[in-house]
PDB file of N, CA and C in Angstrom:
ATOM      1  N   UNK A   1      -9.682  16.646   8.417  1.00  0.00           N
ATOM      2  CA  UNK A   1     -10.089  17.668   7.457  1.00  0.00           C
ATOM      3  C   UNK A   1      -8.904  18.597   7.169  1.00  0.00           C
ATOM      4  N   UNK A   2      -8.792  19.004   5.918  1.00  0.00           N
ATOM      5  CA  UNK A   2      -7.752  19.970   5.570  1.00  0.00           C
ATOM      6  C   UNK A   2      -8.150  21.351   6.060  1.00  0.00           C
ATOM      7  N   UNK A   3      -7.162  22.107   6.506  1.00  0.00           N
ATOM      8  CA  UNK A   3      -7.437  23.449   7.027  1.00  0.00           C
ATOM      9  C   UNK A   3      -7.940  24.384   5.941  1.00  0.00           C
ATOM     10  N   UNK A   4      -7.348  24.326   4.742  1.00  0.00           N
ATOM     11  CA  UNK A   4      -7.720  25.224   3.653  1.00  0.00           C
ATOM     12  C   UNK A   4      -8.626  24.484   2.670  1.00  0.00           C
ATOM     13  N   UNK A   5      -9.921  24.591   2.858  1.00  0.00           N
ATOM     14  CA  UNK A   5     -10.887  23.910   1.990  1.00  0.00           C
ATOM     15  C   UNK A   5     -11.029  24.592   0.633  1.00  0.00           C
ATOM     16  N   UNK A   6     -10.568  25.828   0.513  1.00  0.00           N
ATOM     17  CA  UNK A   6     -10.644  26.541  -0.764  1.00  0.00           C
ATOM     18  C   UNK A   6      -9.478  26.170  -1.684  1.00  0.00           C
ATOM     19  N   UNK A   7      -8.368  25.703  -1.117  1.00  0.00           N
ATOM     20  CA  UNK A   7      -7.182  25.358  -1.883  1.00  0.00           C
ATOM     21  C   UNK A   7      -6.636  24.020  -1.381  1.00  0.00           C
ATOM     22  N   UNK A   8      -7.367  22.920  -1.590  1.00  0.00           N
ATOM     23  CA  UNK A   8      -6.959  21.619  -1.032  1.00  0.00           C
ATOM     24  C   UNK A   8      -5.728  21.051  -1.732  1.00  0.00           C
ATOM     25  N   UNK A   9      -5.031  20.175  -1.019  1.00  0.00           N
ATOM     26  CA  UNK A   9      -3.845  19.490  -1.543  1.00  0.00           C
ATOM     27  C   UNK A   9      -4.131  17.993  -1.573  1.00  0.00           C
ATOM     28  N   UNK A  10      -3.358  17.224  -2.333  1.00  0.00           N
ATOM     29  CA  UNK A  10      -3.544  15.768  -2.325  1.00  0.00           C
ATOM     30  C   UNK A  10      -3.411  15.219  -0.911  1.00  0.00           C
ATOM     31  N   UNK A  11      -4.101  14.129  -0.632  1.00  0.00           N
ATOM     32  CA  UNK A  11      -4.091  13.564   0.712  1.00  0.00           C
ATOM     33  C   UNK A  11      -2.753  12.929   1.058  1.00  0.00           C
ATOM     34  N   UNK A  12      -1.949  12.589   0.055  1.00  0.00           N
ATOM     35  CA  UNK A  12      -0.603  12.066   0.228  1.00  0.00           C
ATOM     36  C   UNK A  12       0.284  12.800  -0.776  1.00  0.00           C
ATOM     37  N   UNK A  13       1.604  12.872  -0.520  1.00  0.00           N
ATOM     38  CA  UNK A  13       2.474  13.610  -1.440  1.00  0.00           C
ATOM     39  C   UNK A  13       2.332  13.187  -2.898  1.00  0.00           C
ATOM     40  N   UNK A  14       2.198  11.875  -3.177  1.00  0.00           N
ATOM     41  CA  UNK A  14       2.045  11.411  -4.555  1.00  0.00           C
ATOM     42  C   UNK A  14       0.637  10.905  -4.796  1.00  0.00           C
ATOM     43  N   UNK A  15      -0.268  11.233  -3.910  1.00  0.00           N
ATOM     44  CA  UNK A  15      -1.608  10.682  -3.989  1.00  0.00           C
ATOM     45  C   UNK A  15      -2.581  11.547  -4.755  1.00  0.00           C
ATOM     46  N   UNK A  16      -3.836  11.266  -4.538  1.00  0.00           N
ATOM     47  CA  UNK A  16      -4.912  11.957  -5.229  1.00  0.00           C
ATOM     48  C   UNK A  16      -5.644  12.864  -4.249  1.00  0.00           C
ATOM     49  N   UNK A  17      -6.391  13.801  -4.752  1.00  0.00           N
ATOM     50  CA  UNK A  17      -7.189  14.696  -3.926  1.00  0.00           C
ATOM     51  C   UNK A  17      -8.390  13.917  -3.412  1.00  0.00           C
ATOM     52  N   UNK A  18      -8.545  13.823  -2.095  1.00  0.00           N
ATOM     53  CA  UNK A  18      -9.616  13.028  -1.500  1.00  0.00           C
ATOM     54  C   UNK A  18     -10.609  13.923  -0.770  1.00  0.00           C
ATOM     55  N   UNK A  19     -11.882  13.582  -0.887  1.00  0.00           N
ATOM     56  CA  UNK A  19     -12.928  14.358  -0.233  1.00  0.00           C
ATOM     57  C   UNK A  19     -13.986  13.428   0.338  1.00  0.00           C
ATOM     58  N   UNK A  20     -14.615  13.883   1.410  1.00  0.00           N
ATOM     59  CA  UNK A  20     -15.773  13.206   1.982  1.00  0.00           C
ATOM     60  C   UNK A  20     -16.941  14.166   1.876  1.00  0.00           C
ATOM     61  N   UNK A  21     -18.078  13.803   2.432  1.00  0.00           N
ATOM     62  CA  UNK A  21     -19.231  14.703   2.407  1.00  0.00           C
ATOM     63  C   UNK A  21     -18.939  16.001   3.158  1.00  0.00           C
ATOM     64  N   UNK A  22     -18.038  15.936   4.147  1.00  0.00           N
ATOM     65  CA  UNK A  22     -17.710  17.116   4.962  1.00  0.00           C
ATOM     66  C   UNK A  22     -16.715  18.044   4.286  1.00  0.00           C
ATOM     67  N   UNK A  23     -15.951  17.543   3.306  1.00  0.00           N
ATOM     68  CA  UNK A  23     -14.960  18.367   2.623  1.00  0.00           C
ATOM     69  C   UNK A  23     -13.698  17.588   2.316  1.00  0.00           C
ATOM     70  N   UNK A  24     -12.632  18.299   1.944  1.00  0.00           N
ATOM     71  CA  UNK A  24     -11.367  17.679   1.574  1.00  0.00           C
ATOM     72  C   UNK A  24     -10.629  17.214   2.822  1.00  0.00           C
ATOM     73  N   UNK A  25     -10.035  16.022   2.733  1.00  0.00           N
ATOM     74  CA  UNK A  25      -9.378  15.431   3.901  1.00  0.00           C
ATOM     75  C   UNK A  25      -7.887  15.227   3.642  1.00  0.00           C
ATOM     76  N   UNK A  26      -7.130  15.113   4.738  1.00  0.00           N
ATOM     77  CA  UNK A  26      -5.708  14.785   4.689  1.00  0.00           C
ATOM     78  C   UNK A  26      -5.559  13.307   5.011  1.00  0.00           C
ATOM     79  N   UNK A  27      -4.464  12.712   4.579  1.00  0.00           N
ATOM     80  CA  UNK A  27      -4.233  11.296   4.830  1.00  0.00           C
ATOM     81  C   UNK A  27      -4.127  11.022   6.318  1.00  0.00           C
ATOM     82  N   UNK A  28      -4.728   9.930   6.757  1.00  0.00           N
ATOM     83  CA  UNK A  28      -4.621   9.492   8.143  1.00  0.00           C
ATOM     84  C   UNK A  28      -4.030   8.092   8.194  1.00  0.00           C
ATOM     85  N   UNK A  29      -3.318   7.721   7.147  1.00  0.00           N
ATOM     86  CA  UNK A  29      -2.737   6.380   7.063  1.00  0.00           C
ATOM     87  C   UNK A  29      -1.562   6.187   8.003  1.00  0.00           C
ATOM     88  N   UNK A  30      -1.055   4.974   7.997  1.00  0.00           N
ATOM     89  CA  UNK A  30       0.055   4.597   8.850  1.00  0.00           C
ATOM     90  C   UNK A  30       1.322   5.342   8.438  1.00  0.00           C
ATOM     91  N   UNK A  31       2.025   5.917   9.419  1.00  0.00           N
ATOM     92  CA  UNK A  31       3.294   6.582   9.141  1.00  0.00           C
ATOM     93  C   UNK A  31       4.390   5.545   8.949  1.00  0.00           C
ATOM     94  N   UNK A  32       5.473   5.952   8.296  1.00  0.00           N
ATOM     95  CA  UNK A  32       6.669   5.122   8.111  1.00  0.00           C
ATOM     96  C   UNK A  32       6.431   3.885   7.260  1.00  0.00           C
ATOM     97  N   UNK A  33       5.479   3.931   6.345  1.00  0.00           N
ATOM     98  CA  UNK A  33       5.319   2.801   5.443  1.00  0.00           C
ATOM     99  C   UNK A  33       6.494   2.777   4.470  1.00  0.00           C
ATOM    100  N   UNK A  34       6.846   1.588   4.046  1.00  0.00           N
ATOM    101  CA  UNK A  34       7.890   1.421   3.040  1.00  0.00           C
ATOM    102  C   UNK A  34       7.179   1.331   1.700  1.00  0.00           C
ATOM    103  N   UNK A  35       7.617   2.130   0.743  1.00  0.00           N
ATOM    104  CA  UNK A  35       6.983   2.143  -0.581  1.00  0.00           C
ATOM    105  C   UNK A  35       7.922   1.466  -1.565  1.00  0.00           C
ATOM    106  N   UNK A  36       7.398   0.463  -2.268  1.00  0.00           N
ATOM    107  CA  UNK A  36       8.173  -0.264  -3.269  1.00  0.00           C
ATOM    108  C   UNK A  36       7.367  -0.369  -4.559  1.00  0.00           C
ATOM    109  N   UNK A  37       8.047  -0.735  -5.625  1.00  0.00           N
ATOM    110  CA  UNK A  37       7.356  -0.993  -6.888  1.00  0.00           C
ATOM    111  C   UNK A  37       6.518  -2.259  -6.690  1.00  0.00           C
ATOM    112  N   UNK A  38       5.310  -2.305  -7.192  1.00  0.00           N
ATOM    113  CA  UNK A  38       4.468  -3.494  -7.016  1.00  0.00           C
ATOM    114  C   UNK A  38       5.127  -4.792  -7.470  1.00  0.00           C
ATOM    115  N   UNK A  39       5.987  -4.735  -8.488  1.00  0.00           N
ATOM    116  CA  UNK A  39       6.664  -5.946  -8.947  1.00  0.00           C
ATOM    117  C   UNK A  39       7.721  -6.427  -7.953  1.00  0.00           C
ATOM    118  N   UNK A  40       8.033  -5.610  -6.937  1.00  0.00           N
ATOM    119  CA  UNK A  40       9.018  -5.984  -5.942  1.00  0.00           C
ATOM    120  C   UNK A  40       8.495  -6.962  -4.905  1.00  0.00           C
ATOM    121  N   UNK A  41       7.219  -7.245  -4.922  1.00  0.00           N
ATOM    122  CA  UNK A  41       6.608  -8.189  -3.973  1.00  0.00           C
ATOM    123  C   UNK A  41       5.628  -9.082  -4.724  1.00  0.00           C
ATOM    124  N   UNK A  42       6.148  -9.938  -5.610  1.00  0.00           N
ATOM    125  CA  UNK A  42       5.268 -10.722  -6.479  1.00  0.00           C
ATOM    126  C   UNK A  42       4.410 -11.760  -5.759  1.00  0.00           C
ATOM    127  N   UNK A  43       4.771 -12.139  -4.547  1.00  0.00           N
ATOM    128  CA  UNK A  43       3.993 -13.163  -3.841  1.00  0.00           C
ATOM    129  C   UNK A  43       2.710 -12.611  -3.220  1.00  0.00           C
ATOM    130  N   UNK A  44       2.603 -11.301  -3.081  1.00  0.00           N
ATOM    131  CA  UNK A  44       1.398 -10.723  -2.472  1.00  0.00           C
ATOM    132  C   UNK A  44       0.220 -10.865  -3.426  1.00  0.00           C
ATOM    133  N   UNK A  45      -0.934 -11.135  -2.844  1.00  0.00           N
ATOM    134  CA  UNK A  45      -2.147 -11.396  -3.620  1.00  0.00           C
ATOM    135  C   UNK A  45      -3.263 -10.436  -3.224  1.00  0.00           C
ATOM    136  N   UNK A  46      -4.209 -10.178  -4.149  1.00  0.00           N
ATOM    137  CA  UNK A  46      -5.382  -9.371  -3.792  1.00  0.00           C
ATOM    138  C   UNK A  46      -6.215 -10.088  -2.736  1.00  0.00           C
ATOM    139  N   UNK A  47      -6.963  -9.323  -1.972  1.00  0.00           N
ATOM    140  CA  UNK A  47      -7.877  -9.912  -1.001  1.00  0.00           C
ATOM    141  C   UNK A  47      -9.046 -10.560  -1.738  1.00  0.00           C
ATOM    142  N   UNK A  48      -9.704 -11.526  -1.106  1.00  0.00           N
ATOM    143  CA  UNK A  48     -10.844 -12.180  -1.750  1.00  0.00           C
ATOM    144  C   UNK A  48     -11.938 -11.183  -2.145  1.00  0.00           C
ATOM    145  N   UNK A  49     -12.562 -11.424  -3.263  1.00  0.00           N
ATOM    146  CA  UNK A  49     -13.676 -10.616  -3.771  1.00  0.00           C
ATOM    147  C   UNK A  49     -13.316  -9.157  -4.002  1.00  0.00           C
ATOM    148  N   UNK A  50     -12.031  -8.868  -4.227  1.00  0.00           N
ATOM    149  CA  UNK A  50     -11.614  -7.497  -4.495  1.00  0.00           C
ATOM    150  C   UNK A  50     -11.765  -6.553  -3.319  1.00  0.00           C
ATOM    151  N   UNK A  51     -11.804  -7.092  -2.113  1.00  0.00           N
ATOM    152  CA  UNK A  51     -11.997  -6.273  -0.914  1.00  0.00           C
ATOM    153  C   UNK A  51     -10.943  -5.157  -0.830  1.00  0.00           C
ATOM    154  N   UNK A  52     -11.371  -3.953  -0.504  1.00  0.00           N
ATOM    155  CA  UNK A  52     -10.532  -2.758  -0.364  1.00  0.00           C
ATOM    156  C   UNK A  52      -9.803  -2.397  -1.655  1.00  0.00           C
ATOM    157  N   UNK A  53     -10.328  -2.775  -2.791  1.00  0.00           N
ATOM    158  CA  UNK A  53      -9.631  -2.540  -4.053  1.00  0.00           C
ATOM    159  C   UNK A  53     -10.456  -1.778  -5.071  1.00  0.00           C
ATOM    160  N   UNK A  54     -11.251  -0.830  -4.622  1.00  0.00           N
ATOM    161  CA  UNK A  54     -12.051  -0.091  -5.593  1.00  0.00           C
ATOM    162  C   UNK A  54     -11.196   0.914  -6.343  1.00  0.00           C
ATOM    163  N   UNK A  55     -11.592   1.200  -7.541  1.00  0.00           N
ATOM    164  CA  UNK A  55     -10.902   2.154  -8.396  1.00  0.00           C
ATOM    165  C   UNK A  55     -11.408   1.996  -9.810  1.00  0.00           C
ATOM    166  N   UNK A  56     -10.932   2.825 -10.683  1.00  0.00           N
ATOM    167  CA  UNK A  56     -11.350   2.815 -12.079  1.00  0.00           C
ATOM    168  C   UNK A  56     -10.694   1.669 -12.846  1.00  0.00           C
ATOM    169  N   UNK A  57      -9.369   1.662 -12.884  1.00  0.00           N
ATOM    170  CA  UNK A  57      -8.608   0.667 -13.649  1.00  0.00           C
ATOM    171  C   UNK A  57      -7.764  -0.234 -12.755  1.00  0.00           C
ATOM    172  N   UNK A  58      -7.858  -0.043 -11.472  1.00  0.00           N
ATOM    173  CA  UNK A  58      -7.098  -0.805 -10.491  1.00  0.00           C
ATOM    174  C   UNK A  58      -7.391  -0.229  -9.119  1.00  0.00           C
ATOM    175  N   UNK A  59      -6.851  -0.794  -8.062  1.00  0.00           N
ATOM    176  CA  UNK A  59      -7.135  -0.264  -6.723  1.00  0.00           C
ATOM    177  C   UNK A  59      -6.508   1.116  -6.539  1.00  0.00           C
ATOM    178  N   UNK A  60      -7.277   2.058  -5.988  1.00  0.00           N
ATOM    179  CA  UNK A  60      -6.718   3.400  -5.793  1.00  0.00           C
ATOM    180  C   UNK A  60      -5.984   3.540  -4.466  1.00  0.00           C
ATOM    181  N   UNK A  61      -6.082   2.547  -3.592  1.00  0.00           N
ATOM    182  CA  UNK A  61      -5.317   2.552  -2.355  1.00  0.00           C
ATOM    183  C   UNK A  61      -5.898   3.361  -1.223  1.00  0.00           C
ATOM    184  N   UNK A  62      -7.112   3.832  -1.371  1.00  0.00           N
ATOM    185  CA  UNK A  62      -7.699   4.695  -0.346  1.00  0.00           C
ATOM    186  C   UNK A  62      -8.510   3.939   0.701  1.00  0.00           C
ATOM    187  N   UNK A  63      -8.653   2.624   0.548  1.00  0.00           N
ATOM    188  CA  UNK A  63      -9.490   1.857   1.474  1.00  0.00           C
ATOM    189  C   UNK A  63      -8.683   1.006   2.443  1.00  0.00           C
ATOM    190  N   UNK A  64      -7.371   1.201   2.487  1.00  0.00           N
ATOM    191  CA  UNK A  64      -6.533   0.450   3.416  1.00  0.00           C
ATOM    192  C   UNK A  64      -5.946  -0.805   2.799  1.00  0.00           C
ATOM    193  N   UNK A  65      -5.478  -1.679   3.656  1.00  0.00           N
ATOM    194  CA  UNK A  65      -4.775  -2.889   3.220  1.00  0.00           C
ATOM    195  C   UNK A  65      -5.600  -3.670   2.204  1.00  0.00           C
ATOM    196  N   UNK A  66      -4.968  -3.962   1.050  1.00  0.00           N
ATOM    197  CA  UNK A  66      -5.678  -4.698   0.007  1.00  0.00           C
ATOM    198  C   UNK A  66      -4.827  -5.809  -0.616  1.00  0.00           C
ATOM    199  N   UNK A  67      -3.673  -6.103  -0.015  1.00  0.00           N
ATOM    200  CA  UNK A  67      -2.803  -7.187  -0.475  1.00  0.00           C
ATOM    201  C   UNK A  67      -2.408  -8.053   0.714  1.00  0.00           C
ATOM    202  N   UNK A  68      -2.307  -9.359   0.465  1.00  0.00           N
ATOM    203  CA  UNK A  68      -2.010 -10.305   1.535  1.00  0.00           C
ATOM    204  C   UNK A  68      -0.903 -11.263   1.125  1.00  0.00           C
ATOM    205  N   UNK A  69      -0.211 -11.793   2.128  1.00  0.00           N
ATOM    206  CA  UNK A  69       0.775 -12.860   1.924  1.00  0.00           C
ATOM    207  C   UNK A  69       0.028 -14.123   1.501  1.00  0.00           C
ATOM    208  N   UNK A  70       0.746 -15.115   0.979  1.00  0.00           N
ATOM    209  CA  UNK A  70       0.092 -16.383   0.638  1.00  0.00           C
ATOM    210  C   UNK A  70      -0.641 -17.020   1.821  1.00  0.00           C
ATOM    211  N   UNK A  71      -0.198 -16.719   3.053  1.00  0.00           N
ATOM    212  CA  UNK A  71      -0.858 -17.277   4.240  1.00  0.00           C
ATOM    213  C   UNK A  71      -2.176 -16.564   4.546  1.00  0.00           C
ATOM    214  N   UNK A  72      -2.431 -15.429   3.878  1.00  0.00           N
ATOM    215  CA  UNK A  72      -3.667 -14.687   4.095  1.00  0.00           C
ATOM    216  C   UNK A  72      -3.525 -13.448   4.955  1.00  0.00           C
ATOM    217  N   UNK A  73      -2.341 -13.214   5.537  1.00  0.00           N
ATOM    218  CA  UNK A  73      -2.136 -12.025   6.379  1.00  0.00           C
ATOM    219  C   UNK A  73      -2.113 -10.774   5.518  1.00  0.00           C
ATOM    220  N   UNK A  74      -2.916  -9.789   5.886  1.00  0.00           N
ATOM    221  CA  UNK A  74      -2.975  -8.525   5.163  1.00  0.00           C
ATOM    222  C   UNK A  74      -1.751  -7.691   5.536  1.00  0.00           C
ATOM    223  N   UNK A  75      -0.949  -7.328   4.532  1.00  0.00           N
ATOM    224  CA  UNK A  75       0.329  -6.686   4.835  1.00  0.00           C
ATOM    225  C   UNK A  75       0.636  -5.429   4.021  1.00  0.00           C
ATOM    226  N   UNK A  76      -0.151  -5.117   3.000  1.00  0.00           N
ATOM    227  CA  UNK A  76       0.217  -4.000   2.139  1.00  0.00           C
ATOM    228  C   UNK A  76      -1.002  -3.389   1.456  1.00  0.00           C
ATOM    229  N   UNK A  77      -0.778  -2.176   0.936  1.00  0.00           N
ATOM    230  CA  UNK A  77      -1.798  -1.472   0.170  1.00  0.00           C
ATOM    231  C   UNK A  77      -1.235  -1.150  -1.208  1.00  0.00           C
ATOM    232  N   UNK A  78      -1.883  -1.659  -2.232  1.00  0.00           N
ATOM    233  CA  UNK A  78      -1.489  -1.360  -3.603  1.00  0.00           C
ATOM    234  C   UNK A  78      -2.285  -0.163  -4.088  1.00  0.00           C
ATOM    235  N   UNK A  79      -1.573   0.834  -4.614  1.00  0.00           N
ATOM    236  CA  UNK A  79      -2.191   1.972  -5.287  1.00  0.00           C
ATOM    237  C   UNK A  79      -1.798   1.839  -6.752  1.00  0.00           C
ATOM    238  N   UNK A  80      -2.747   1.519  -7.615  1.00  0.00           N
ATOM    239  CA  UNK A  80      -2.424   1.251  -9.019  1.00  0.00           C
ATOM    240  C   UNK A  80      -3.555   1.642  -9.954  1.00  0.00           C
ATOM    241  N   UNK A  81      -4.291   2.681  -9.610  1.00  0.00           N
ATOM    242  CA  UNK A  81      -5.363   3.130 -10.478  1.00  0.00           C
ATOM    243  C   UNK A  81      -4.785   4.046 -11.556  1.00  0.00           C
ATOM    244  N   UNK A  82      -5.529   4.280 -12.600  1.00  0.00           N
ATOM    245  CA  UNK A  82      -5.032   5.060 -13.728  1.00  0.00           C
ATOM    246  C   UNK A  82      -4.813   6.541 -13.407  1.00  0.00           C
ATOM    247  N   UNK A  83      -5.422   7.066 -12.346  1.00  0.00           N
ATOM    248  CA  UNK A  83      -5.300   8.496 -12.064  1.00  0.00           C
ATOM    249  C   UNK A  83      -4.416   8.792 -10.855  1.00  0.00           C
ATOM    250  N   UNK A  84      -3.665   7.811 -10.370  1.00  0.00           N
ATOM    251  CA  UNK A  84      -2.819   8.034  -9.204  1.00  0.00           C
ATOM    252  C   UNK A  84      -1.478   7.349  -9.352  1.00  0.00           C
ATOM    253  N   UNK A  85      -0.749   7.227  -8.260  1.00  0.00           N
ATOM    254  CA  UNK A  85       0.574   6.584  -8.314  1.00  0.00           C
ATOM    255  C   UNK A  85       0.457   5.081  -8.526  1.00  0.00           C
ATOM    256  N   UNK A  86       1.558   4.459  -8.940  1.00  0.00           N
ATOM    257  CA  UNK A  86       1.641   3.008  -9.090  1.00  0.00           C
ATOM    258  C   UNK A  86       2.695   2.545  -8.099  1.00  0.00           C
ATOM    259  N   UNK A  87       2.251   2.183  -6.891  1.00  0.00           N
ATOM    260  CA  UNK A  87       3.189   1.838  -5.831  1.00  0.00           C
ATOM    261  C   UNK A  87       2.526   0.941  -4.801  1.00  0.00           C
ATOM    262  N   UNK A  88       3.369   0.217  -4.069  1.00  0.00           N
ATOM    263  CA  UNK A  88       2.918  -0.711  -3.047  1.00  0.00           C
ATOM    264  C   UNK A  88       3.442  -0.213  -1.703  1.00  0.00           C
ATOM    265  N   UNK A  89       2.528   0.001  -0.755  1.00  0.00           N
ATOM    266  CA  UNK A  89       2.877   0.475   0.583  1.00  0.00           C
ATOM    267  C   UNK A  89       2.858  -0.703   1.546  1.00  0.00           C
ATOM    268  N   UNK A  90       4.037  -1.087   2.058  1.00  0.00           N
ATOM    269  CA  UNK A  90       4.132  -2.184   3.018  1.00  0.00           C
ATOM    270  C   UNK A  90       3.841  -1.647   4.406  1.00  0.00           C
ATOM    271  N   UNK A  91       2.942  -2.271   5.113  1.00  0.00           N
ATOM    272  CA  UNK A  91       2.559  -1.828   6.453  1.00  0.00           C
ATOM    273  C   UNK A  91       3.723  -2.070   7.422  1.00  0.00           C
ATOM    274  N   UNK A  92       4.237  -1.024   8.102  1.00  0.00           N
ATOM    275  CA  UNK A  92       5.393  -1.196   8.982  1.00  0.00           C
ATOM    276  C   UNK A  92       5.093  -2.009  10.237  1.00  0.00           C
ATOM    277  N   UNK A  93       3.840  -2.168  10.592  1.00  0.00           N
ATOM    278  CA  UNK A  93       3.481  -2.970  11.758  1.00  0.00           C
ATOM    279  C   UNK A  93       3.483  -4.457  11.404  1.00  0.00           C
ATOM    280  N   UNK A  94       3.203  -4.774  10.150  1.00  0.00           N
ATOM    281  CA  UNK A  94       3.054  -6.168   9.736  1.00  0.00           C
ATOM    282  C   UNK A  94       4.209  -6.711   8.899  1.00  0.00           C
ATOM    283  N   UNK A  95       5.151  -5.858   8.503  1.00  0.00           N
ATOM    284  CA  UNK A  95       6.266  -6.296   7.668  1.00  0.00           C
ATOM    285  C   UNK A  95       7.584  -5.791   8.231  1.00  0.00           C
ATOM    286  N   UNK A  96       8.673  -6.456   7.865  1.00  0.00           N
ATOM    287  CA  UNK A  96      10.009  -6.002   8.254  1.00  0.00           C
ATOM    288  C   UNK A  96      11.014  -6.574   7.263  1.00  0.00           C
ATOM    289  N   UNK A  97      12.155  -5.923   7.182  1.00  0.00           N
ATOM    290  CA  UNK A  97      13.212  -6.380   6.278  1.00  0.00           C
ATOM    291  C   UNK A  97      14.142  -7.326   7.017  1.00  0.00           C
ATOM    292  N   UNK A  98      14.635  -8.322   6.309  1.00  0.00           N
ATOM    293  CA  UNK A  98      15.614  -9.231   6.888  1.00  0.00           C
ATOM    294  C   UNK A  98      16.448  -9.832   5.762  1.00  0.00           C
ATOM    295  N   UNK A  99      17.600 -10.359   6.141  1.00  0.00           N
ATOM    296  CA  UNK A  99      18.461 -11.043   5.198  1.00  0.00           C
ATOM    297  C   UNK A  99      18.381 -12.532   5.504  1.00  0.00           C
ATOM    298  N   UNK A 100      17.919 -13.333   4.564  1.00  0.00           N
ATOM    299  CA  UNK A 100      17.805 -14.772   4.837  1.00  0.00           C
ATOM    300  C   UNK A 100      19.177 -15.388   5.062  1.00  0.00           C
ATOM    301  N   UNK A 101      19.250 -16.290   6.007  1.00  0.00           N
ATOM    302  CA  UNK A 101      20.489 -16.987   6.312  1.00  0.00           C
ATOM    303  C   UNK A 101      20.617 -18.191   5.384  1.00  0.00           C
ATOM    304  N   UNK A 102      21.770 -18.331   4.779  1.00  0.00           N
ATOM    305  CA  UNK A 102      22.029 -19.451   3.886  1.00  0.00           C
ATOM    306  C   UNK A 102      22.893 -20.454   4.636  1.00  0.00           C
ATOM    307  N   UNK A 103      22.446 -21.679   4.691  1.00  0.00           N
ATOM    308  CA  UNK A 103      23.211 -22.716   5.389  1.00  0.00           C
ATOM    309  C   UNK A 103      24.487 -23.022   4.634  1.00  0.00           C
ATOM    310  N   UNK A 104      25.609 -23.068   5.372  1.00  0.00           N
ATOM    311  CA  UNK A 104      26.890 -23.392   4.744  1.00  0.00           C
ATOM    312  C   UNK A 104      27.062 -24.908   4.719  1.00  0.00           C
ATOM    313  N   UNK A 105      27.545 -25.400   3.593  1.00  0.00           N
ATOM    314  CA  UNK A 105      27.805 -26.830   3.448  1.00  0.00           C
ATOM    315  C   UNK A 105      29.269 -27.053   3.797  1.00  0.00           C
ATOM    316  N   UNK A 106      29.552 -27.951   4.763  1.00  0.00           N
ATOM    317  CA  UNK A 106      30.936 -28.209   5.143  1.00  0.00           C
ATOM    318  C   UNK A 106      31.757 -28.689   3.946  1.00  0.00           C
ATOM    319  N   UNK A 107      33.036 -28.275   3.901  1.00  0.00           N
ATOM    320  CA  UNK A 107      33.926 -28.670   2.816  1.00  0.00           C
ATOM    321  C   UNK A 107      34.098 -30.180   2.794  1.00  0.00           C
ATOM    322  N   UNK A 108      34.167 -30.747   1.619  1.00  0.00           N
ATOM    323  CA  UNK A 108      34.381 -32.176   1.469  1.00  0.00           C
ATOM    324  C   UNK A 108      33.121 -33.014   1.550  1.00  0.00           C
ATOM    325  N   UNK A 109      31.946 -32.406   1.600  1.00  0.00           N
ATOM    326  CA  UNK A 109      30.708 -33.178   1.660  1.00  0.00           C
ATOM    327  C   UNK A 109      29.941 -33.086   0.373  1.00  0.00           C
TER     328      UNK A 109
END
């Protein structure tokens, strides 16, 4: 719950104002998420049946992980509704950055 219920702030710095029956709440999401443009991860897919993707014109990102790898592992949350940010939050527990190794072809082959 937010301390100042008379003057609430968005639940995330670029997010939307969120409330429950008890009042306005602060974000309790995973810290240290990496935020990228949704087009930066084209292989990620929505969960089956639109799970965790409610919103007006797209998922608002308030229901947790809503994007998965082709293998089905849930790895990110897309926030792309018309009244909020347009960004993809990669879960730091389930994702990591790496540089793919390219095999060198021996000279003369």
